[in-house]
Protein backbone atom coordinates (compact mmCIF):
# COMPACT_ATOMS: atom_id res chain seq x y z
CA MET A 1 112.75 -19.33 10.12
CA SER A 2 116.31 -18.02 10.02
CA LEU A 3 118.09 -17.20 6.78
CA PRO A 4 121.09 -19.37 5.87
CA PRO A 5 124.56 -17.90 6.52
CA GLU A 6 125.19 -17.05 2.85
CA GLN A 7 122.00 -15.00 2.61
CA LEU A 8 122.68 -13.33 5.94
CA GLU A 9 125.98 -12.15 4.47
CA ARG A 10 124.60 -11.22 1.04
CA TYR A 11 121.79 -9.09 2.49
CA ASN A 12 123.72 -7.83 5.51
CA ARG A 13 123.29 -4.16 4.61
CA ASN A 14 119.53 -4.62 4.18
CA ILE A 15 119.19 -6.53 7.45
CA ALA A 16 121.20 -3.91 9.34
CA ILE A 17 118.44 -1.37 8.63
CA GLY A 18 116.07 -1.45 11.59
CA GLU A 19 112.93 -1.17 9.43
CA VAL A 20 114.03 -4.17 7.38
CA GLY A 21 115.78 -6.70 9.61
CA GLU A 22 115.85 -10.41 8.95
CA LYS A 23 112.06 -10.72 8.89
CA GLY A 24 111.83 -7.99 6.28
CA GLN A 25 114.47 -9.70 4.16
CA GLU A 26 112.52 -12.94 4.37
CA ARG A 27 109.47 -11.04 3.14
CA LEU A 28 111.39 -9.66 0.16
CA LEU A 29 112.61 -13.16 -0.73
CA LYS A 30 108.98 -14.31 -0.86
CA SER A 31 107.80 -11.32 -2.93
CA LYS A 32 106.96 -11.22 -6.63
CA VAL A 33 107.40 -8.15 -8.82
CA LEU A 34 106.38 -7.68 -12.45
CA ILE A 35 108.48 -5.34 -14.63
CA VAL A 36 106.88 -4.27 -17.91
CA GLY A 37 109.70 -3.07 -20.14
CA ALA A 38 113.40 -3.94 -20.03
CA GLY A 39 114.79 -0.65 -21.33
CA GLY A 40 116.38 2.26 -19.48
CA LEU A 41 113.95 2.27 -16.55
CA GLY A 42 113.65 -1.51 -16.40
CA SER A 43 117.41 -2.05 -16.46
CA SER A 44 118.27 -0.13 -13.31
CA CYS A 45 115.05 -1.09 -11.55
CA SER A 46 115.48 -4.82 -12.14
CA LEU A 47 119.13 -4.83 -11.08
CA TYR A 48 118.39 -3.13 -7.77
CA LEU A 49 115.36 -5.32 -7.09
CA ALA A 50 117.46 -8.40 -7.82
CA ALA A 51 120.28 -7.17 -5.60
CA ALA A 52 117.76 -6.50 -2.81
CA GLY A 53 116.61 -10.11 -2.95
CA ILE A 54 113.12 -9.87 -4.45
CA GLY A 55 112.27 -13.57 -4.71
CA THR A 56 110.65 -13.60 -8.16
CA LEU A 57 111.07 -11.08 -10.94
CA THR A 58 108.91 -11.34 -14.05
CA ILE A 59 110.14 -9.26 -16.99
CA ILE A 60 108.18 -8.58 -20.17
CA ASP A 61 109.71 -7.06 -23.31
CA SER A 62 109.39 -7.84 -27.00
CA ASP A 63 112.56 -6.13 -28.27
CA LYS A 64 116.07 -7.22 -29.13
CA VAL A 65 119.17 -5.38 -27.97
CA ASP A 66 120.22 -2.60 -30.33
CA LEU A 67 123.48 -0.65 -30.33
CA SER A 68 121.62 2.56 -29.47
CA ASN A 69 120.25 0.92 -26.30
CA LEU A 70 123.66 0.67 -24.67
CA GLN A 71 123.80 4.39 -23.88
CA ARG A 72 121.24 3.93 -21.08
CA GLN A 73 120.14 0.28 -20.77
CA ILE A 74 122.77 -1.00 -18.37
CA LEU A 75 121.53 -4.60 -18.38
CA TYR A 76 123.14 -5.12 -21.78
CA PHE A 77 126.67 -5.24 -23.14
CA THR A 78 128.03 -4.88 -26.66
CA GLN A 79 128.12 -8.65 -27.17
CA ASP A 80 124.36 -8.78 -26.44
CA ILE A 81 123.42 -6.85 -29.60
CA ASP A 82 120.72 -8.67 -31.61
CA SER A 83 119.86 -10.97 -28.68
CA ARG A 84 116.45 -10.86 -27.05
CA LYS A 85 116.40 -8.39 -24.19
CA VAL A 86 114.60 -10.73 -21.82
CA ASP A 87 117.16 -13.48 -22.39
CA SER A 88 120.08 -11.16 -21.74
CA ALA A 89 118.31 -9.64 -18.73
CA ARG A 90 117.71 -13.05 -17.17
CA GLN A 91 121.36 -14.01 -17.68
CA LYS A 92 122.71 -10.83 -16.07
CA ILE A 93 120.29 -10.96 -13.14
CA ASN A 94 121.09 -14.60 -12.43
CA MET A 95 124.79 -13.74 -12.49
CA LEU A 96 124.17 -10.96 -9.98
CA ASN A 97 121.95 -12.97 -7.66
CA PRO A 98 121.32 -16.71 -8.13
CA ASP A 99 118.98 -16.65 -5.10
CA ILE A 100 116.09 -15.32 -7.09
CA LYS A 101 113.80 -16.66 -9.79
CA VAL A 102 113.59 -14.75 -13.07
CA ILE A 103 110.59 -15.34 -15.36
CA THR A 104 110.70 -13.74 -18.80
CA HIS A 105 108.21 -13.21 -21.61
CA HIS A 106 109.36 -12.11 -25.07
CA GLU A 107 106.10 -10.42 -26.07
CA ARG A 108 104.13 -7.20 -25.84
CA VAL A 109 101.52 -6.54 -23.20
CA GLY A 110 97.98 -6.02 -24.39
CA ALA A 111 94.42 -6.20 -23.15
CA HIS A 112 94.45 -9.92 -23.98
CA ASN A 113 97.28 -10.89 -21.61
CA ILE A 114 98.03 -8.20 -19.03
CA ARG A 115 95.61 -9.57 -16.45
CA ASP A 116 97.42 -12.91 -16.45
CA PHE A 117 100.78 -11.20 -15.97
CA ILE A 118 99.62 -8.94 -13.15
CA GLU A 119 97.53 -11.45 -11.22
CA GLU A 120 100.35 -13.49 -9.67
CA ASN A 121 102.52 -10.52 -8.63
CA ASP A 122 102.59 -8.37 -5.52
CA PHE A 123 103.76 -5.17 -7.22
CA VAL A 124 104.01 -3.91 -10.80
CA ILE A 125 106.67 -1.66 -12.35
CA ASP A 126 105.64 0.37 -15.39
CA ALA A 127 108.96 0.68 -17.21
CA SER A 128 107.33 0.96 -20.63
CA ASP A 129 108.22 3.62 -23.18
CA ASN A 130 104.88 4.36 -24.85
CA PHE A 131 101.57 5.88 -23.81
CA SER A 132 99.42 2.93 -24.86
CA ALA A 133 101.25 0.59 -22.50
CA LYS A 134 101.23 3.12 -19.67
CA PHE A 135 97.47 3.61 -19.79
CA LEU A 136 96.90 -0.13 -20.15
CA ILE A 137 99.08 -0.91 -17.12
CA ASN A 138 97.32 1.76 -15.06
CA ASP A 139 93.86 0.57 -16.01
CA ALA A 140 94.65 -3.07 -15.34
CA CYS A 141 96.18 -2.32 -11.94
CA VAL A 142 93.22 -0.14 -10.93
CA LEU A 143 90.66 -2.75 -12.02
CA MET A 144 92.60 -5.54 -10.32
CA GLU A 145 93.49 -3.45 -7.25
CA LYS A 146 97.21 -4.02 -7.71
CA PRO A 147 99.84 -1.49 -6.57
CA TYR A 148 102.26 -0.21 -9.17
CA SER A 149 104.91 2.40 -9.93
CA HIS A 150 104.57 4.61 -12.99
CA ALA A 151 107.51 6.44 -14.50
CA GLY A 152 108.42 8.28 -17.68
CA VAL A 153 111.68 9.90 -18.80
CA ILE A 154 112.81 12.12 -21.64
CA GLN A 155 115.87 14.32 -22.23
CA PHE A 156 117.01 15.58 -18.79
CA GLY A 157 113.79 14.89 -16.94
CA GLY A 158 111.50 12.28 -15.52
CA GLN A 159 108.39 11.78 -13.44
CA THR A 160 107.11 9.01 -11.23
CA LEU A 161 104.16 8.18 -8.99
CA THR A 162 103.04 5.18 -7.00
CA TYR A 163 99.49 3.86 -7.15
CA THR A 164 97.85 1.82 -4.43
CA PRO A 165 94.13 0.96 -4.38
CA GLY A 166 92.02 3.99 -3.54
CA CYS A 167 94.74 6.54 -4.35
CA THR A 168 95.30 8.85 -7.31
CA CYS A 169 95.88 6.89 -10.51
CA TYR A 170 97.61 7.86 -13.76
CA ARG A 171 94.30 8.68 -15.46
CA CYS A 172 93.39 11.04 -12.62
CA ILE A 173 96.19 13.24 -13.95
CA PHE A 174 96.29 12.36 -17.65
CA GLU A 175 92.81 11.30 -18.73
CA SER A 176 93.77 9.78 -22.08
CA PRO A 177 96.80 9.30 -24.35
CA PRO A 178 97.79 12.41 -26.34
CA PRO A 179 97.00 12.36 -30.06
CA GLU A 180 99.65 10.95 -32.36
CA GLY A 181 101.93 13.63 -33.74
CA THR A 182 101.56 15.99 -30.76
CA TYR A 183 104.63 14.80 -28.87
CA LEU A 184 108.19 13.63 -29.44
CA SER A 185 109.24 10.11 -28.57
CA PRO A 186 112.41 9.53 -26.51
CA ALA A 187 114.11 8.40 -29.73
CA GLU A 188 113.26 11.73 -31.36
CA ALA A 189 113.86 14.03 -28.38
CA GLY A 190 116.72 12.12 -26.78
CA ILE A 191 117.30 11.04 -23.21
CA LEU A 192 120.27 11.19 -20.89
CA GLY A 193 121.02 7.64 -19.81
CA SER A 194 121.68 8.49 -16.18
CA VAL A 195 118.21 10.07 -15.91
CA ALA A 196 116.58 6.74 -16.75
CA GLY A 197 118.87 5.05 -14.24
CA LEU A 198 117.96 7.43 -11.45
CA VAL A 199 114.20 7.28 -12.01
CA GLY A 200 114.28 3.49 -12.37
CA THR A 201 116.11 3.30 -9.06
CA ILE A 202 113.35 5.37 -7.44
CA GLN A 203 110.82 2.85 -8.77
CA ALA A 204 112.79 0.01 -7.20
CA THR A 205 112.86 1.87 -3.87
CA GLU A 206 109.10 2.38 -3.97
CA ALA A 207 108.52 -1.32 -4.68
CA ILE A 208 110.75 -2.37 -1.77
CA LYS A 209 109.08 0.07 0.62
CA PHE A 210 105.63 -1.16 -0.37
CA LEU A 211 106.57 -4.82 0.01
CA LEU A 212 108.01 -4.14 3.47
CA GLY A 213 105.16 -1.85 4.51
CA ILE A 214 107.51 0.96 5.51
CA GLY A 215 108.10 4.63 4.71
CA ASP A 216 106.05 7.14 2.76
CA LEU A 217 105.16 6.16 -0.79
CA LEU A 218 104.70 8.48 -3.76
CA THR A 219 100.94 8.07 -3.54
CA ASN A 220 98.66 11.02 -4.34
CA LYS A 221 101.67 12.93 -5.63
CA LEU A 222 103.80 13.22 -8.73
CA LEU A 223 107.56 13.43 -8.27
CA ILE A 224 109.15 15.47 -11.06
CA TYR A 225 112.91 15.33 -11.59
CA ASP A 226 114.87 17.85 -13.65
CA GLY A 227 118.44 16.73 -14.17
CA TYR A 228 119.35 19.93 -16.00
CA THR A 229 118.78 22.05 -12.89
CA MET A 230 119.26 19.08 -10.52
CA SER A 231 115.93 19.66 -8.82
CA PHE A 232 113.12 17.51 -7.47
CA ASN A 233 109.55 18.78 -7.20
CA SER A 234 106.84 16.78 -5.46
CA VAL A 235 103.36 17.86 -6.54
CA ASP A 236 100.34 16.79 -4.49
CA ILE A 237 97.62 15.38 -6.75
CA GLU A 238 94.07 14.92 -5.50
CA LYS A 239 92.10 11.90 -6.61
CA ASN A 240 89.85 12.90 -9.51
CA ASP A 241 86.21 12.06 -8.79
CA ASN A 242 85.58 12.25 -12.55
CA CYS A 243 88.43 9.90 -13.45
CA PRO A 244 87.15 7.53 -16.16
CA ILE A 245 88.52 4.47 -14.36
CA CYS A 246 88.66 5.16 -10.61
CA GLY A 247 86.17 8.00 -10.24
CA ARG A 248 82.65 7.88 -8.85
CA ASN A 249 81.14 6.90 -12.20
CA PRO A 250 83.87 5.09 -14.14
CA THR A 251 83.40 4.75 -17.87
CA ILE A 252 86.27 2.31 -18.31
CA THR A 253 85.23 -1.03 -16.87
CA GLU A 254 86.97 -3.36 -19.32
CA LEU A 255 90.51 -3.31 -20.63
CA ILE A 256 90.97 -2.04 -24.15
CA ASN A 257 94.04 -1.42 -26.27
CA CYS A 258 94.53 2.36 -26.10
């Protein structure tokens, strides 16, 4: 089935890539990606996924746009302050690319609903900004055998990894959330907006590569970015046989709120 002329023109630069082609673009248009969090990471990631022609984007976020968000969350403009992030995100994405379907949920993810969100999607983006959500997303994806991209950013730096079934998961590296009071939040420590944009763009690239079945993914490795020294460091991470969720004798078999 050939793409219509308008889509052939819109996605011309994708199609011109030999590993993508028209068949690959058709695959992207049939794909479904879930983005948990519409902040700094989610903003750049969702825009590039939309531009690439991912057929269905589902975005979950419970916040409203705040003035302090505009320094890094490029989905939102000054006139969007006090509006729900998911509503503004849907509007901007539809303006960018009316080809795609945008599903939004103005709520928080939890053990009670994350399975339903993940089930219908082909790939999951962890663009959350708190440890509880990150461990919950990891655990749900491992239990449901769903691929996902993890990322975290603070100040000048960020990290990201990609999980696919059977590979190193987030808990293989970080077994449990750190105790409250032992770390600074991004609001307390600060974050350079462009850092979130760069790392979110890497997440989008990983999702596209996975959906097309091309390239080398960030599986079994942690990519660490330092914007202060402008350096990237890829650290190989072996799967942890004692991981509480994906190890030989998992202790986490049901989702709980961390």
